[in-house]
Amino acid sequence: MGLSLSEQEIGSFELYAAELKKWNSKVNLTAITKDKEIAVKHFVDSLTLAPYITADDRLLDIGSGAGLPVIPLKIIKPDVPMVSVDAVAKKIHFQRHIIRVLNLQHIEAVHARIEDLHTTHRHSFSIITSRAFTRLDRFVDLASPLLADNGMLIAMKGGEAEGEIAESDDAVSKHGFTITSVHHYTLPHNMGERVLTFIKRDKAA
């Protein structure tokens, strides 16, 4: 991915993993609990978005769960404003704890349904992402009121998503959007196939 992590950033990821395991023993946040799988399936997977985020962006992560991908991205891109939203209170409580522990700045974890942001954050974000959150057409429907002009939606999907992408093409078009590219990648140590789907608003929409 062309990334180089500092000692401090690696330390932040280690602390994040430790807190995730600690909280997960009491509050169900993730089914992935082994160190190597946390590192690859959560952290490395989240960081595949990093090359597509610039210093001028403002990012929203929908259905962010235990803070993925938003917190890994914030660790390595500390100056980019980011917002995460999840409807499950315990997951947002965990995210807020991690934000405090890691002293992350310019990041807000919001306990709400995504529809609640349509009046307060309309057209506020240049990048909106979701990780295995919902079907593509539903993602576009929920995210489109929040996307800035010339913004990009990026859906993170499992390797079996090709059929869903094809099936969603017409529904996405009806919302005034186009699937502009699909990027397949394999996680290290053969830990799975993944897909990034890039969606942009049509110029005429």
N, C-alpha and C. Protein backbone atom coordinates (compact mmCIF):
# COMPACT_ATOMS: atom_id res chain seq x y z
N MET A 1 0.82 -1.22 0.00
CA MET A 1 0.00 0.00 0.00
C MET A 1 0.85 1.25 0.00
N GLY A 2 2.16 1.07 0.05
CA GLY A 2 3.05 2.23 0.05
C GLY A 2 3.05 2.99 1.35
N LEU A 3 2.66 2.34 2.45
CA LEU A 3 2.60 3.01 3.75
C LEU A 3 3.84 2.67 4.59
N SER A 4 4.28 3.62 5.35
CA SER A 4 5.36 3.40 6.29
C SER A 4 4.89 3.87 7.67
N LEU A 5 4.82 2.95 8.62
CA LEU A 5 4.28 3.28 9.95
C LEU A 5 5.41 3.63 10.91
N SER A 6 5.20 4.66 11.69
CA SER A 6 6.16 5.06 12.71
C SER A 6 6.02 4.16 13.94
N GLU A 7 7.01 4.22 14.83
CA GLU A 7 6.94 3.47 16.09
C GLU A 7 5.70 3.89 16.89
N GLN A 8 5.41 5.18 16.87
CA GLN A 8 4.24 5.68 17.62
C GLN A 8 2.94 5.12 17.04
N GLU A 9 2.84 5.08 15.71
CA GLU A 9 1.64 4.54 15.07
C GLU A 9 1.49 3.06 15.36
N ILE A 10 2.58 2.31 15.30
CA ILE A 10 2.51 0.89 15.62
C ILE A 10 2.08 0.69 17.07
N GLY A 11 2.60 1.53 17.96
CA GLY A 11 2.19 1.47 19.36
C GLY A 11 0.70 1.74 19.53
N SER A 12 0.16 2.67 18.72
CA SER A 12 -1.28 2.96 18.78
C SER A 12 -2.10 1.76 18.34
N PHE A 13 -1.64 1.07 17.30
CA PHE A 13 -2.35 -0.12 16.84
C PHE A 13 -2.28 -1.24 17.89
N GLU A 14 -1.14 -1.38 18.55
CA GLU A 14 -1.01 -2.41 19.59
C GLU A 14 -1.97 -2.13 20.74
N LEU A 15 -2.06 -0.86 21.14
CA LEU A 15 -2.96 -0.49 22.24
C LEU A 15 -4.42 -0.67 21.83
N TYR A 16 -4.73 -0.29 20.60
CA TYR A 16 -6.09 -0.47 20.06
C TYR A 16 -6.47 -1.95 20.11
N ALA A 17 -5.56 -2.83 19.66
CA ALA A 17 -5.85 -4.27 19.67
C ALA A 17 -6.05 -4.78 21.08
N ALA A 18 -5.21 -4.34 22.01
CA ALA A 18 -5.32 -4.78 23.40
C ALA A 18 -6.66 -4.36 24.01
N GLU A 19 -7.06 -3.11 23.74
CA GLU A 19 -8.35 -2.62 24.28
C GLU A 19 -9.52 -3.33 23.61
N LEU A 20 -9.39 -3.62 22.32
CA LEU A 20 -10.46 -4.34 21.60
C LEU A 20 -10.68 -5.71 22.23
N LYS A 21 -9.60 -6.42 22.53
CA LYS A 21 -9.72 -7.75 23.14
C LYS A 21 -10.28 -7.65 24.56
N LYS A 22 -9.85 -6.65 25.30
CA LYS A 22 -10.32 -6.47 26.68
C LYS A 22 -11.82 -6.19 26.71
N TRP A 23 -12.25 -5.24 25.89
CA TRP A 23 -13.68 -4.89 25.84
C TRP A 23 -14.50 -6.05 25.28
N ASN A 24 -13.92 -6.76 24.32
CA ASN A 24 -14.67 -7.81 23.64
C ASN A 24 -15.00 -8.97 24.58
N SER A 25 -14.22 -9.13 25.65
CA SER A 25 -14.50 -10.19 26.62
C SER A 25 -15.78 -9.90 27.41
N LYS A 26 -16.20 -8.63 27.43
CA LYS A 26 -17.41 -8.24 28.16
C LYS A 26 -18.52 -7.77 27.23
N VAL A 27 -18.14 -7.12 26.13
CA VAL A 27 -19.11 -6.56 25.18
C VAL A 27 -18.77 -7.10 23.80
N ASN A 28 -19.75 -7.68 23.14
CA ASN A 28 -19.48 -8.30 21.84
C ASN A 28 -19.25 -7.23 20.77
N LEU A 29 -17.98 -7.06 20.38
CA LEU A 29 -17.63 -6.06 19.37
C LEU A 29 -17.19 -6.71 18.07
N THR A 30 -16.54 -7.86 18.14
CA THR A 30 -16.00 -8.51 16.95
C THR A 30 -15.85 -10.00 17.20
N ALA A 31 -15.97 -10.78 16.12
CA ALA A 31 -15.73 -12.22 16.21
C ALA A 31 -14.25 -12.53 16.00
N ILE A 32 -13.49 -11.52 15.59
CA ILE A 32 -12.06 -11.70 15.31
C ILE A 32 -11.28 -11.30 16.56
N THR A 33 -10.61 -12.26 17.20
CA THR A 33 -9.98 -11.99 18.49
C THR A 33 -8.51 -12.40 18.56
N LYS A 34 -8.00 -13.12 17.56
CA LYS A 34 -6.59 -13.51 17.56
C LYS A 34 -5.75 -12.34 17.04
N ASP A 35 -4.57 -12.14 17.65
CA ASP A 35 -3.74 -10.99 17.31
C ASP A 35 -3.47 -10.87 15.81
N LYS A 36 -3.05 -11.97 15.20
CA LYS A 36 -2.70 -11.92 13.78
C LYS A 36 -3.91 -11.57 12.92
N GLU A 37 -5.06 -12.11 13.28
CA GLU A 37 -6.27 -11.81 12.51
C GLU A 37 -6.73 -10.37 12.74
N ILE A 38 -6.59 -9.86 13.96
CA ILE A 38 -6.92 -8.45 14.21
C ILE A 38 -6.02 -7.56 13.35
N ALA A 39 -4.72 -7.88 13.33
CA ALA A 39 -3.77 -7.08 12.57
C ALA A 39 -4.10 -7.07 11.09
N VAL A 40 -4.45 -8.23 10.54
CA VAL A 40 -4.66 -8.34 9.08
C VAL A 40 -6.10 -8.04 8.69
N LYS A 41 -7.05 -8.74 9.31
CA LYS A 41 -8.45 -8.64 8.88
C LYS A 41 -9.10 -7.32 9.29
N HIS A 42 -8.61 -6.72 10.37
CA HIS A 42 -9.15 -5.43 10.79
C HIS A 42 -8.25 -4.27 10.37
N PHE A 43 -6.99 -4.28 10.80
CA PHE A 43 -6.15 -3.11 10.61
C PHE A 43 -5.63 -2.97 9.18
N VAL A 44 -5.00 -4.01 8.65
CA VAL A 44 -4.49 -3.93 7.28
C VAL A 44 -5.64 -3.70 6.29
N ASP A 45 -6.73 -4.42 6.50
CA ASP A 45 -7.89 -4.24 5.62
C ASP A 45 -8.38 -2.79 5.64
N SER A 46 -8.47 -2.20 6.82
CA SER A 46 -8.91 -0.81 6.94
C SER A 46 -7.96 0.13 6.19
N LEU A 47 -6.67 -0.14 6.29
CA LEU A 47 -5.66 0.76 5.70
C LEU A 47 -5.59 0.68 4.19
N THR A 48 -6.30 -0.27 3.58
CA THR A 48 -6.34 -0.29 2.11
C THR A 48 -7.00 0.98 1.57
N LEU A 49 -7.78 1.66 2.41
CA LEU A 49 -8.41 2.91 1.98
C LEU A 49 -7.44 4.10 1.98
N ALA A 50 -6.35 3.98 2.73
CA ALA A 50 -5.48 5.12 2.97
C ALA A 50 -4.98 5.82 1.70
N PRO A 51 -4.58 5.09 0.65
CA PRO A 51 -4.08 5.77 -0.54
C PRO A 51 -5.11 6.66 -1.25
N TYR A 52 -6.39 6.46 -0.92
CA TYR A 52 -7.45 7.21 -1.60
C TYR A 52 -7.90 8.44 -0.80
N ILE A 53 -7.28 8.68 0.35
CA ILE A 53 -7.67 9.80 1.22
C ILE A 53 -6.57 10.85 1.20
N THR A 54 -6.96 12.09 0.92
CA THR A 54 -5.99 13.19 0.87
C THR A 54 -6.19 14.11 2.07
N ALA A 55 -5.26 15.03 2.22
CA ALA A 55 -5.31 15.98 3.34
C ALA A 55 -6.52 16.90 3.25
N ASP A 56 -7.11 17.03 2.07
CA ASP A 56 -8.25 17.93 1.88
C ASP A 56 -9.59 17.24 2.13
N ASP A 57 -9.58 15.95 2.41
CA ASP A 57 -10.82 15.20 2.55
C ASP A 57 -11.45 15.37 3.94
N ARG A 58 -12.73 15.05 3.98
CA ARG A 58 -13.48 14.91 5.24
C ARG A 58 -14.22 13.59 5.11
N LEU A 59 -13.97 12.67 6.04
CA LEU A 59 -14.43 11.29 5.88
C LEU A 59 -15.54 10.94 6.86
N LEU A 60 -16.53 10.18 6.37
CA LEU A 60 -17.58 9.60 7.21
C LEU A 60 -17.54 8.09 7.06
N ASP A 61 -17.56 7.39 8.18
CA ASP A 61 -17.62 5.93 8.20
C ASP A 61 -18.97 5.52 8.76
N ILE A 62 -19.79 4.87 7.92
CA ILE A 62 -21.15 4.47 8.29
C ILE A 62 -21.15 3.04 8.84
N GLY A 63 -21.80 2.84 9.99
CA GLY A 63 -21.85 1.51 10.58
C GLY A 63 -20.48 1.04 11.00
N SER A 64 -19.77 1.89 11.72
CA SER A 64 -18.34 1.69 11.96
C SER A 64 -18.02 0.64 13.02
N GLY A 65 -19.02 0.17 13.76
CA GLY A 65 -18.81 -0.94 14.68
C GLY A 65 -17.75 -0.63 15.73
N ALA A 66 -16.69 -1.42 15.72
CA ALA A 66 -15.60 -1.24 16.69
C ALA A 66 -14.60 -0.18 16.23
N GLY A 67 -15.01 0.64 15.24
CA GLY A 67 -14.15 1.73 14.77
C GLY A 67 -13.37 1.41 13.52
N LEU A 68 -13.92 0.52 12.70
CA LEU A 68 -13.22 0.07 11.50
C LEU A 68 -14.01 0.42 10.25
N PRO A 69 -13.39 1.11 9.32
CA PRO A 69 -11.97 1.44 9.18
C PRO A 69 -11.55 2.79 9.78
N VAL A 70 -12.45 3.54 10.41
CA VAL A 70 -12.18 4.95 10.71
C VAL A 70 -10.99 5.15 11.65
N ILE A 71 -10.88 4.34 12.71
CA ILE A 71 -9.81 4.59 13.68
C ILE A 71 -8.42 4.22 13.12
N PRO A 72 -8.25 3.07 12.45
CA PRO A 72 -6.95 2.84 11.79
C PRO A 72 -6.57 3.96 10.83
N LEU A 73 -7.54 4.46 10.08
CA LEU A 73 -7.25 5.56 9.15
C LEU A 73 -6.87 6.83 9.91
N LYS A 74 -7.54 7.11 11.01
CA LYS A 74 -7.23 8.30 11.80
C LYS A 74 -5.83 8.22 12.42
N ILE A 75 -5.42 7.01 12.81
CA ILE A 75 -4.08 6.84 13.39
C ILE A 75 -3.00 7.28 12.41
N ILE A 76 -3.16 6.94 11.13
CA ILE A 76 -2.09 7.28 10.18
C ILE A 76 -2.37 8.56 9.40
N LYS A 77 -3.59 9.10 9.53
CA LYS A 77 -3.92 10.37 8.88
C LYS A 77 -4.54 11.30 9.93
N PRO A 78 -3.75 11.74 10.92
CA PRO A 78 -4.30 12.43 12.08
C PRO A 78 -4.95 13.78 11.77
N ASP A 79 -4.58 14.41 10.66
CA ASP A 79 -5.09 15.74 10.38
C ASP A 79 -6.38 15.74 9.54
N VAL A 80 -6.78 14.58 9.04
CA VAL A 80 -8.00 14.50 8.22
C VAL A 80 -9.22 14.42 9.14
N PRO A 81 -10.17 15.35 9.04
CA PRO A 81 -11.38 15.28 9.87
C PRO A 81 -12.19 14.02 9.53
N MET A 82 -12.61 13.32 10.57
CA MET A 82 -13.36 12.08 10.37
C MET A 82 -14.52 12.00 11.35
N VAL A 83 -15.61 11.38 10.89
CA VAL A 83 -16.79 11.13 11.72
C VAL A 83 -17.18 9.67 11.53
N SER A 84 -17.50 9.00 12.62
CA SER A 84 -18.05 7.65 12.53
C SER A 84 -19.45 7.67 13.11
N VAL A 85 -20.31 6.81 12.57
CA VAL A 85 -21.68 6.73 13.07
C VAL A 85 -22.08 5.27 13.19
N ASP A 86 -22.72 4.93 14.31
CA ASP A 86 -23.24 3.58 14.50
C ASP A 86 -24.46 3.68 15.40
N ALA A 87 -25.44 2.82 15.13
CA ALA A 87 -26.68 2.85 15.90
C ALA A 87 -26.59 2.06 17.20
N VAL A 88 -25.49 1.32 17.40
CA VAL A 88 -25.33 0.49 18.59
C VAL A 88 -24.49 1.26 19.61
N ALA A 89 -25.08 1.59 20.75
CA ALA A 89 -24.44 2.46 21.74
C ALA A 89 -23.12 1.90 22.25
N LYS A 90 -23.07 0.59 22.54
CA LYS A 90 -21.86 0.02 23.13
C LYS A 90 -20.66 0.14 22.18
N LYS A 91 -20.91 0.10 20.89
CA LYS A 91 -19.82 0.22 19.93
C LYS A 91 -19.29 1.65 19.88
N ILE A 92 -20.18 2.62 19.97
CA ILE A 92 -19.75 4.02 20.00
C ILE A 92 -19.04 4.32 21.33
N HIS A 93 -19.50 3.74 22.43
CA HIS A 93 -18.80 3.92 23.71
C HIS A 93 -17.36 3.41 23.60
N PHE A 94 -17.18 2.26 22.95
CA PHE A 94 -15.83 1.73 22.77
C PHE A 94 -15.00 2.67 21.90
N GLN A 95 -15.57 3.15 20.80
CA GLN A 95 -14.83 4.06 19.92
C GLN A 95 -14.40 5.32 20.68
N ARG A 96 -15.30 5.88 21.47
CA ARG A 96 -14.97 7.09 22.22
C ARG A 96 -13.86 6.81 23.23
N HIS A 97 -13.88 5.62 23.81
CA HIS A 97 -12.81 5.22 24.73
C HIS A 97 -11.47 5.17 23.99
N ILE A 98 -11.45 4.55 22.82
CA ILE A 98 -10.21 4.45 22.04
C ILE A 98 -9.72 5.83 21.61
N ILE A 99 -10.64 6.68 21.21
CA ILE A 99 -10.28 8.05 20.81
C ILE A 99 -9.59 8.78 21.97
N ARG A 100 -10.12 8.60 23.18
CA ARG A 100 -9.50 9.23 24.36
C ARG A 100 -8.14 8.61 24.67
N VAL A 101 -8.08 7.28 24.69
CA VAL A 101 -6.85 6.58 25.05
C VAL A 101 -5.71 6.91 24.09
N LEU A 102 -6.03 7.00 22.80
CA LEU A 102 -5.00 7.28 21.78
C LEU A 102 -4.83 8.78 21.55
N ASN A 103 -5.64 9.59 22.24
CA ASN A 103 -5.58 11.06 22.10
C ASN A 103 -5.72 11.48 20.63
N LEU A 104 -6.70 10.90 19.97
CA LEU A 104 -6.96 11.23 18.57
C LEU A 104 -7.75 12.54 18.49
N GLN A 105 -7.39 13.37 17.52
CA GLN A 105 -8.01 14.67 17.34
C GLN A 105 -8.80 14.70 16.03
N HIS A 106 -9.75 15.65 15.95
CA HIS A 106 -10.53 15.86 14.71
C HIS A 106 -11.28 14.59 14.31
N ILE A 107 -11.85 13.92 15.32
CA ILE A 107 -12.66 12.72 15.05
C ILE A 107 -13.83 12.71 16.02
N GLU A 108 -15.00 12.38 15.51
CA GLU A 108 -16.23 12.36 16.32
C GLU A 108 -16.93 11.02 16.10
N ALA A 109 -17.27 10.34 17.19
CA ALA A 109 -18.03 9.10 17.13
C ALA A 109 -19.47 9.40 17.54
N VAL A 110 -20.40 9.19 16.63
CA VAL A 110 -21.79 9.60 16.81
C VAL A 110 -22.68 8.38 16.99
N HIS A 111 -23.44 8.37 18.09
CA HIS A 111 -24.43 7.31 18.31
C HIS A 111 -25.74 7.76 17.69
N ALA A 112 -26.03 7.22 16.52
CA ALA A 112 -27.25 7.62 15.79
C ALA A 112 -27.48 6.66 14.63
N ARG A 113 -28.70 6.69 14.13
CA ARG A 113 -28.96 6.07 12.83
C ARG A 113 -28.46 7.04 11.76
N ILE A 114 -28.01 6.50 10.67
CA ILE A 114 -27.41 7.36 9.63
C ILE A 114 -28.42 8.38 9.12
N GLU A 115 -29.71 8.02 9.12
CA GLU A 115 -30.73 8.95 8.65
C GLU A 115 -30.79 10.22 9.50
N ASP A 116 -30.38 10.10 10.78
CA ASP A 116 -30.40 11.25 11.69
C ASP A 116 -29.41 12.33 11.29
N LEU A 117 -28.41 11.96 10.50
CA LEU A 117 -27.39 12.93 10.09
C LEU A 117 -27.80 13.74 8.85
N HIS A 118 -28.89 13.35 8.22
CA HIS A 118 -29.27 13.98 6.95
C HIS A 118 -29.57 15.47 7.09
N THR A 119 -30.02 15.88 8.27
CA THR A 119 -30.32 17.31 8.46
C THR A 119 -29.13 18.08 9.01
N THR A 120 -28.27 17.40 9.78
CA THR A 120 -27.16 18.09 10.45
C THR A 120 -25.85 18.08 9.66
N HIS A 121 -25.68 17.08 8.77
CA HIS A 121 -24.41 16.93 8.06
C HIS A 121 -24.61 16.84 6.54
N ARG A 122 -25.60 17.50 6.04
CA ARG A 122 -25.92 17.38 4.61
C ARG A 122 -24.76 17.88 3.75
N HIS A 123 -24.38 17.06 2.77
CA HIS A 123 -23.30 17.39 1.81
C HIS A 123 -22.00 17.78 2.51
N SER A 124 -21.69 17.11 3.62
CA SER A 124 -20.54 17.50 4.44
C SER A 124 -19.27 16.71 4.17
N PHE A 125 -19.36 15.57 3.48
CA PHE A 125 -18.22 14.66 3.42
C PHE A 125 -17.77 14.40 1.98
N SER A 126 -16.46 14.45 1.79
CA SER A 126 -15.91 14.18 0.46
C SER A 126 -15.70 12.68 0.22
N ILE A 127 -15.56 11.91 1.29
CA ILE A 127 -15.47 10.45 1.20
C ILE A 127 -16.39 9.85 2.25
N ILE A 128 -17.24 8.93 1.81
CA ILE A 128 -18.09 8.17 2.73
C ILE A 128 -17.83 6.69 2.49
N THR A 129 -17.52 5.98 3.55
CA THR A 129 -17.22 4.56 3.41
C THR A 129 -18.11 3.73 4.33
N SER A 130 -18.21 2.46 4.01
CA SER A 130 -18.85 1.49 4.90
C SER A 130 -18.16 0.16 4.68
N ARG A 131 -18.05 -0.60 5.74
CA ARG A 131 -17.35 -1.89 5.69
C ARG A 131 -18.35 -2.99 6.00
N ALA A 132 -18.73 -3.73 4.95
CA ALA A 132 -19.68 -4.84 5.11
C ALA A 132 -20.93 -4.40 5.87
N PHE A 133 -21.42 -3.20 5.54
CA PHE A 133 -22.53 -2.60 6.29
C PHE A 133 -23.88 -2.99 5.73
N THR A 134 -24.07 -2.80 4.44
CA THR A 134 -25.36 -3.09 3.83
C THR A 134 -25.17 -3.23 2.33
N ARG A 135 -26.24 -3.54 1.61
CA ARG A 135 -26.13 -3.68 0.16
C ARG A 135 -25.76 -2.34 -0.47
N LEU A 136 -25.16 -2.40 -1.65
CA LEU A 136 -24.67 -1.19 -2.30
C LEU A 136 -25.78 -0.17 -2.56
N ASP A 137 -26.93 -0.63 -3.04
CA ASP A 137 -28.00 0.31 -3.35
C ASP A 137 -28.50 1.01 -2.09
N ARG A 138 -28.57 0.27 -0.99
CA ARG A 138 -28.98 0.85 0.29
C ARG A 138 -27.92 1.82 0.81
N PHE A 139 -26.67 1.47 0.66
CA PHE A 139 -25.56 2.35 1.04
C PHE A 139 -25.64 3.68 0.30
N VAL A 140 -25.86 3.61 -1.00
CA VAL A 140 -25.97 4.83 -1.81
C VAL A 140 -27.17 5.66 -1.35
N ASP A 141 -28.29 5.01 -1.10
CA ASP A 141 -29.50 5.71 -0.67
C ASP A 141 -29.26 6.46 0.64
N LEU A 142 -28.59 5.80 1.60
CA LEU A 142 -28.34 6.41 2.91
C LEU A 142 -27.27 7.49 2.86
N ALA A 143 -26.25 7.27 2.03
CA ALA A 143 -25.08 8.15 2.04
C ALA A 143 -25.21 9.37 1.14
N SER A 144 -26.01 9.27 0.09
CA SER A 144 -26.01 10.33 -0.92
C SER A 144 -26.36 11.72 -0.38
N PRO A 145 -27.30 11.87 0.60
CA PRO A 145 -27.57 13.23 1.11
C PRO A 145 -26.39 13.84 1.86
N LEU A 146 -25.45 13.00 2.29
CA LEU A 146 -24.33 13.47 3.10
C LEU A 146 -23.08 13.73 2.28
N LEU A 147 -23.10 13.36 1.00
CA LEU A 147 -21.92 13.44 0.16
C LEU A 147 -21.78 14.82 -0.46
N ALA A 148 -20.58 15.38 -0.35
CA ALA A 148 -20.31 16.68 -0.96
C ALA A 148 -20.24 16.56 -2.48
N ASP A 149 -20.33 17.70 -3.16
CA ASP A 149 -20.15 17.71 -4.60
C ASP A 149 -18.79 17.12 -4.95
N ASN A 150 -18.76 16.31 -5.98
CA ASN A 150 -17.53 15.64 -6.44
C ASN A 150 -16.97 14.66 -5.41
N GLY A 151 -17.79 14.29 -4.42
CA GLY A 151 -17.34 13.32 -3.42
C GLY A 151 -17.39 11.89 -3.95
N MET A 152 -16.88 10.97 -3.12
CA MET A 152 -16.77 9.57 -3.51
C MET A 152 -17.32 8.67 -2.41
N LEU A 153 -18.13 7.69 -2.80
CA LEU A 153 -18.54 6.62 -1.90
C LEU A 153 -17.62 5.43 -2.14
N ILE A 154 -17.15 4.82 -1.04
CA ILE A 154 -16.30 3.64 -1.17
C ILE A 154 -16.87 2.55 -0.26
N ALA A 155 -17.37 1.48 -0.88
CA ALA A 155 -17.92 0.35 -0.13
C ALA A 155 -16.87 -0.73 -0.02
N MET A 156 -16.61 -1.18 1.22
CA MET A 156 -15.66 -2.27 1.47
C MET A 156 -16.46 -3.56 1.59
N LYS A 157 -16.14 -4.51 0.71
CA LYS A 157 -16.92 -5.74 0.63
C LYS A 157 -16.02 -6.96 0.67
N GLY A 158 -16.65 -8.11 0.96
CA GLY A 158 -15.92 -9.38 0.89
C GLY A 158 -15.69 -9.80 -0.55
N GLY A 159 -14.89 -10.83 -0.73
CA GLY A 159 -14.50 -11.25 -2.07
C GLY A 159 -15.63 -11.80 -2.91
N GLU A 160 -16.76 -12.13 -2.28
CA GLU A 160 -17.88 -12.71 -3.02
C GLU A 160 -18.85 -11.63 -3.52
N ALA A 161 -18.44 -10.37 -3.47
CA ALA A 161 -19.36 -9.25 -3.73
C ALA A 161 -19.63 -8.99 -5.21
N GLU A 162 -18.93 -9.67 -6.10
CA GLU A 162 -19.07 -9.36 -7.52
C GLU A 162 -20.52 -9.46 -7.99
N GLY A 163 -21.23 -10.50 -7.53
CA GLY A 163 -22.63 -10.66 -7.92
C GLY A 163 -23.49 -9.52 -7.42
N GLU A 164 -23.28 -9.11 -6.17
CA GLU A 164 -24.04 -7.99 -5.61
C GLU A 164 -23.76 -6.71 -6.37
N ILE A 165 -22.51 -6.50 -6.73
CA ILE A 165 -22.14 -5.29 -7.48
C ILE A 165 -22.88 -5.24 -8.81
N ALA A 166 -22.90 -6.38 -9.51
CA ALA A 166 -23.60 -6.44 -10.80
C ALA A 166 -25.10 -6.22 -10.62
N GLU A 167 -25.67 -6.84 -9.58
CA GLU A 167 -27.10 -6.71 -9.34
C GLU A 167 -27.49 -5.29 -8.93
N SER A 168 -26.57 -4.58 -8.28
CA SER A 168 -26.87 -3.25 -7.75
C SER A 168 -26.69 -2.13 -8.77
N ASP A 169 -26.11 -2.45 -9.91
CA ASP A 169 -25.74 -1.40 -10.87
C ASP A 169 -26.93 -0.54 -11.27
N ASP A 170 -28.05 -1.18 -11.62
CA ASP A 170 -29.24 -0.43 -12.05
C ASP A 170 -29.81 0.41 -10.91
N ALA A 171 -29.88 -0.19 -9.71
CA ALA A 171 -30.43 0.53 -8.56
C ALA A 171 -29.56 1.73 -8.21
N VAL A 172 -28.24 1.56 -8.29
CA VAL A 172 -27.31 2.67 -8.03
C VAL A 172 -27.53 3.78 -9.05
N SER A 173 -27.72 3.40 -10.30
CA SER A 173 -27.96 4.38 -11.37
C SER A 173 -29.23 5.18 -11.13
N LYS A 174 -30.27 4.53 -10.59
CA LYS A 174 -31.53 5.22 -10.32
C LYS A 174 -31.36 6.31 -9.26
N HIS A 175 -30.36 6.16 -8.41
CA HIS A 175 -30.05 7.19 -7.41
C HIS A 175 -29.19 8.30 -7.99
N GLY A 176 -28.83 8.19 -9.28
CA GLY A 176 -27.99 9.21 -9.90
C GLY A 176 -26.51 9.00 -9.69
N PHE A 177 -26.12 7.75 -9.46
CA PHE A 177 -24.72 7.42 -9.21
C PHE A 177 -24.25 6.38 -10.21
N THR A 178 -22.92 6.26 -10.33
CA THR A 178 -22.30 5.27 -11.19
C THR A 178 -21.18 4.58 -10.43
N ILE A 179 -21.11 3.25 -10.57
CA ILE A 179 -19.97 2.50 -10.04
C ILE A 179 -18.81 2.74 -11.00
N THR A 180 -17.82 3.50 -10.55
CA THR A 180 -16.74 3.93 -11.44
C THR A 180 -15.60 2.93 -11.52
N SER A 181 -15.35 2.19 -10.44
CA SER A 181 -14.30 1.17 -10.49
C SER A 181 -14.47 0.19 -9.35
N VAL A 182 -13.89 -0.98 -9.54
CA VAL A 182 -13.93 -2.04 -8.54
C VAL A 182 -12.51 -2.57 -8.38
N HIS A 183 -11.99 -2.52 -7.15
CA HIS A 183 -10.61 -2.92 -6.89
C HIS A 183 -10.59 -4.17 -6.02
N HIS A 184 -10.10 -5.28 -6.58
CA HIS A 184 -9.97 -6.53 -5.84
C HIS A 184 -8.59 -6.62 -5.19
N TYR A 185 -8.54 -7.15 -3.99
CA TYR A 185 -7.24 -7.36 -3.35
C TYR A 185 -7.32 -8.57 -2.42
N THR A 186 -6.15 -9.13 -2.12
CA THR A 186 -6.03 -10.28 -1.24
C THR A 186 -5.31 -9.85 0.04
N LEU A 187 -5.87 -10.17 1.18
CA LEU A 187 -5.23 -9.84 2.44
C LEU A 187 -3.97 -10.70 2.63
N PRO A 188 -2.97 -10.19 3.35
CA PRO A 188 -1.77 -10.97 3.61
C PRO A 188 -2.08 -12.29 4.31
N HIS A 189 -1.16 -13.25 4.17
CA HIS A 189 -1.26 -14.56 4.81
C HIS A 189 -2.53 -15.31 4.39
N ASN A 190 -2.98 -15.03 3.15
CA ASN A 190 -4.17 -15.71 2.61
C ASN A 190 -5.37 -15.64 3.54
N MET A 191 -5.57 -14.46 4.11
CA MET A 191 -6.69 -14.29 5.05
C MET A 191 -7.96 -13.78 4.40
N GLY A 192 -8.05 -13.88 3.08
CA GLY A 192 -9.31 -13.55 2.44
C GLY A 192 -9.20 -12.60 1.27
N GLU A 193 -10.21 -12.66 0.41
CA GLU A 193 -10.33 -11.75 -0.72
C GLU A 193 -11.26 -10.61 -0.33
N ARG A 194 -10.94 -9.41 -0.80
CA ARG A 194 -11.75 -8.24 -0.50
C ARG A 194 -11.94 -7.41 -1.76
N VAL A 195 -12.95 -6.53 -1.70
CA VAL A 195 -13.27 -5.67 -2.85
C VAL A 195 -13.57 -4.26 -2.36
N LEU A 196 -12.96 -3.28 -3.00
CA LEU A 196 -13.35 -1.88 -2.81
C LEU A 196 -14.17 -1.46 -4.02
N THR A 197 -15.36 -0.91 -3.77
CA THR A 197 -16.23 -0.45 -4.85
C THR A 197 -16.36 1.07 -4.76
N PHE A 198 -15.96 1.75 -5.83
CA PHE A 198 -15.94 3.21 -5.87
C PHE A 198 -17.16 3.71 -6.64
N ILE A 199 -17.91 4.62 -6.04
CA ILE A 199 -19.18 5.08 -6.61
C ILE A 199 -19.20 6.60 -6.58
N LYS A 200 -19.54 7.19 -7.72
CA LYS A 200 -19.59 8.67 -7.80
C LYS A 200 -20.94 9.12 -8.33
N ARG A 201 -21.33 10.33 -7.92
CA ARG A 201 -22.57 10.93 -8.41
C ARG A 201 -22.40 11.32 -9.86
N ASP A 202 -23.42 11.06 -10.67
CA ASP A 202 -23.37 11.45 -12.09
C ASP A 202 -23.30 12.96 -12.19
N LYS A 203 -22.57 13.44 -13.18
CA LYS A 203 -22.40 14.89 -13.34
C LYS A 203 -23.73 15.61 -13.55
N ALA A 204 -24.64 14.94 -14.26
CA ALA A 204 -25.92 15.57 -14.59
C ALA A 204 -26.93 15.50 -13.45
N ALA A 205 -26.59 14.69 -12.42
CA ALA A 205 -27.57 14.49 -11.32
C ALA A 205 -27.64 15.71 -10.43
